[in-house]
Amino acid sequence: MHRYSLVLALLLALTAGNAVGQPAPTTNPEATSARLAYVMVFVADMNRSVAFYRDQIGLTRRFASPEWSEFETGATILALHPAGPHNKAGTSEVGITVQDLNAFYEARKAAGVQFSGPPKPQSYGSPLTEVRDPDGALISVGGR
């Protein structure tokens, strides 16, 4: 539970300013305001996990494939992704989105947030960068 509290605290800090609570320099606060877009759970067996969240938990499936499945949960999506060497089954990743990813990246980087690198286009088309919370939890940051 402690790790999830820290993830939430980091998300709130990123939304409010930066990881130490100082306002991030920006000319358009709306462009760099973050919102929780998804929580991704890494799974050992996609079909088993889809069936569990759909049939046992009662979530409405939005999309399903061998590599990525989504469930409606309101404003935030629950996504499932196959586990791998860097993402063990049962672990999770938080995904946030911002209106202007480049502005968010530059403002937060100037405020001291350490990213994995500048935003890069992904194979599915959207740019993405990553940041780790104080305990090492991965947070993906994408543009809207």
Protein backbone atom coordinates (compact mmCIF):
# COMPACT_ATOMS: atom_id res chain seq x y z
CA MET A 1 0.00 0.00 0.00
CA HIS A 2 2.93 2.34 0.74
CA ARG A 3 4.12 2.18 -2.89
CA TYR A 4 0.69 3.17 -4.22
CA SER A 5 0.55 6.12 -1.81
CA LEU A 6 3.88 7.31 -3.15
CA VAL A 7 2.72 6.90 -6.76
CA LEU A 8 -0.37 8.97 -5.98
CA ALA A 9 1.75 11.61 -4.21
CA LEU A 10 4.08 11.83 -7.23
CA LEU A 11 1.15 12.15 -9.63
CA LEU A 12 -0.30 14.93 -7.51
CA ALA A 13 3.08 16.66 -7.37
CA LEU A 14 3.52 16.35 -11.15
CA THR A 15 0.07 17.81 -11.66
CA ALA A 16 0.67 20.66 -9.22
CA GLY A 17 4.21 21.51 -10.22
CA ASN A 18 7.07 19.08 -9.84
CA ALA A 19 8.36 16.29 -7.67
CA VAL A 20 9.29 18.68 -4.84
CA GLY A 21 6.13 20.78 -5.04
CA GLN A 22 7.58 23.87 -6.67
CA PRO A 23 5.57 25.46 -9.49
CA ALA A 24 6.91 24.42 -12.88
CA PRO A 25 7.65 27.23 -15.30
CA THR A 26 5.10 27.27 -18.11
CA THR A 27 3.17 29.77 -20.13
CA ASN A 28 0.10 27.54 -20.43
CA PRO A 29 -0.71 25.55 -17.27
CA GLU A 30 -3.48 23.65 -19.09
CA ALA A 31 -0.95 22.29 -21.60
CA THR A 32 1.13 20.64 -18.87
CA SER A 33 -1.67 19.55 -16.53
CA ALA A 34 -1.54 15.76 -16.10
CA ARG A 35 -4.44 13.33 -15.80
CA LEU A 36 -4.40 9.65 -14.93
CA ALA A 37 -5.14 7.81 -18.19
CA TYR A 38 -4.56 4.16 -17.34
CA VAL A 39 -3.20 1.64 -14.91
CA MET A 40 -1.50 -1.25 -16.68
CA VAL A 41 -1.23 -4.64 -15.00
CA PHE A 42 1.38 -7.06 -16.33
CA VAL A 43 -0.13 -10.54 -16.63
CA ALA A 44 1.19 -14.08 -17.11
CA ASP A 45 -1.81 -15.29 -19.16
CA MET A 46 -3.82 -12.72 -21.13
CA ASN A 47 -6.90 -14.91 -21.69
CA ARG A 48 -7.08 -15.92 -18.03
CA SER A 49 -6.70 -12.31 -16.88
CA VAL A 50 -9.26 -10.95 -19.36
CA ALA A 51 -11.74 -13.59 -18.16
CA PHE A 52 -11.04 -12.71 -14.52
CA TYR A 53 -11.54 -8.95 -14.87
CA ARG A 54 -14.58 -9.43 -17.13
CA ASP A 55 -16.34 -12.40 -15.51
CA GLN A 56 -15.23 -12.28 -11.88
CA ILE A 57 -14.77 -8.55 -11.29
CA GLY A 58 -17.49 -7.44 -13.74
CA LEU A 59 -15.60 -4.82 -15.75
CA THR A 60 -16.73 -4.06 -19.29
CA ARG A 61 -14.12 -5.08 -21.85
CA ARG A 62 -13.28 -2.26 -24.21
CA PHE A 63 -10.68 -4.04 -26.33
CA ALA A 64 -8.80 -7.35 -26.19
CA SER A 65 -5.77 -8.71 -28.01
CA PRO A 66 -2.85 -11.01 -27.12
CA GLU A 67 -0.63 -7.97 -26.43
CA TRP A 68 -2.98 -5.36 -24.94
CA SER A 69 -6.47 -5.48 -23.44
CA GLU A 70 -8.53 -2.65 -21.94
CA PHE A 71 -11.45 -2.36 -19.53
CA GLU A 72 -13.76 0.60 -18.90
CA THR A 73 -13.50 1.93 -15.34
CA GLY A 74 -14.73 5.49 -15.79
CA ALA A 75 -12.20 8.16 -16.68
CA THR A 76 -9.25 5.78 -16.28
CA ILE A 77 -8.62 2.59 -18.25
CA LEU A 78 -7.46 -0.68 -16.73
CA ALA A 79 -5.05 -2.16 -19.27
CA LEU A 80 -3.50 -5.62 -19.31
CA HIS A 81 -0.13 -6.33 -20.94
CA PRO A 82 1.90 -9.54 -21.06
CA ALA A 83 4.59 -9.80 -18.41
CA GLY A 84 8.20 -10.00 -19.50
CA PRO A 85 11.76 -9.93 -18.18
CA HIS A 86 11.49 -6.26 -17.11
CA ASN A 87 7.85 -6.36 -15.97
CA LYS A 88 6.96 -9.32 -13.76
CA ALA A 89 3.41 -10.69 -13.66
CA GLY A 90 1.39 -8.96 -10.96
CA THR A 91 3.27 -5.66 -11.19
CA SER A 92 1.72 -2.50 -12.59
CA GLU A 93 2.54 0.76 -14.32
CA VAL A 94 0.72 4.08 -14.20
CA GLY A 95 0.09 6.05 -17.38
CA ILE A 96 -0.69 9.75 -17.40
CA THR A 97 -1.49 12.03 -20.32
CA VAL A 98 -0.92 15.71 -20.86
CA GLN A 99 -2.17 18.05 -23.57
CA ASP A 100 1.31 19.13 -24.71
CA LEU A 101 3.88 16.42 -24.00
CA ASN A 102 6.87 18.47 -25.15
CA ALA A 103 5.87 21.44 -22.96
CA PHE A 104 5.28 19.10 -20.00
CA TYR A 105 8.66 17.44 -20.53
CA GLU A 106 10.56 20.73 -20.80
CA ALA A 107 8.80 22.35 -17.82
CA ARG A 108 9.20 19.34 -15.53
CA LYS A 109 12.78 18.69 -16.65
CA ALA A 110 13.64 22.33 -15.85
CA ALA A 111 12.07 21.77 -12.42
CA GLY A 112 14.35 18.78 -11.76
CA VAL A 113 12.24 15.78 -12.74
CA GLN A 114 14.45 13.06 -14.26
CA PHE A 115 12.93 11.37 -17.31
CA SER A 116 14.07 8.28 -19.22
CA GLY A 117 14.67 10.62 -22.15
CA PRO A 118 12.80 13.06 -24.37
CA PRO A 119 9.40 11.99 -25.74
CA LYS A 120 9.76 9.44 -28.55
CA PRO A 121 7.15 8.23 -31.07
CA GLN A 122 5.99 4.68 -30.34
CA SER A 123 5.12 1.96 -32.84
CA TYR A 124 1.42 2.72 -32.29
CA GLY A 125 2.02 6.39 -33.18
CA SER A 126 1.82 8.37 -29.94
CA PRO A 127 4.92 9.91 -28.36
CA LEU A 128 5.87 8.76 -24.87
CA THR A 129 8.43 9.39 -22.13
CA GLU A 130 8.82 7.84 -18.70
CA VAL A 131 9.67 8.87 -15.17
CA ARG A 132 10.14 6.79 -12.02
CA ASP A 133 8.61 7.59 -8.67
CA PRO A 134 10.82 7.70 -5.53
CA ASP A 135 10.43 3.91 -5.09
CA GLY A 136 11.19 3.10 -8.71
CA ALA A 137 7.64 2.61 -10.00
CA LEU A 138 7.45 3.44 -13.70
CA ILE A 139 5.09 6.18 -14.88
CA SER A 140 4.52 6.53 -18.61
CA VAL A 141 3.70 10.04 -19.83
CA GLY A 142 1.97 10.52 -23.18
CA GLY A 143 0.36 13.36 -25.10
CA ARG A 144 -3.36 13.66 -25.73
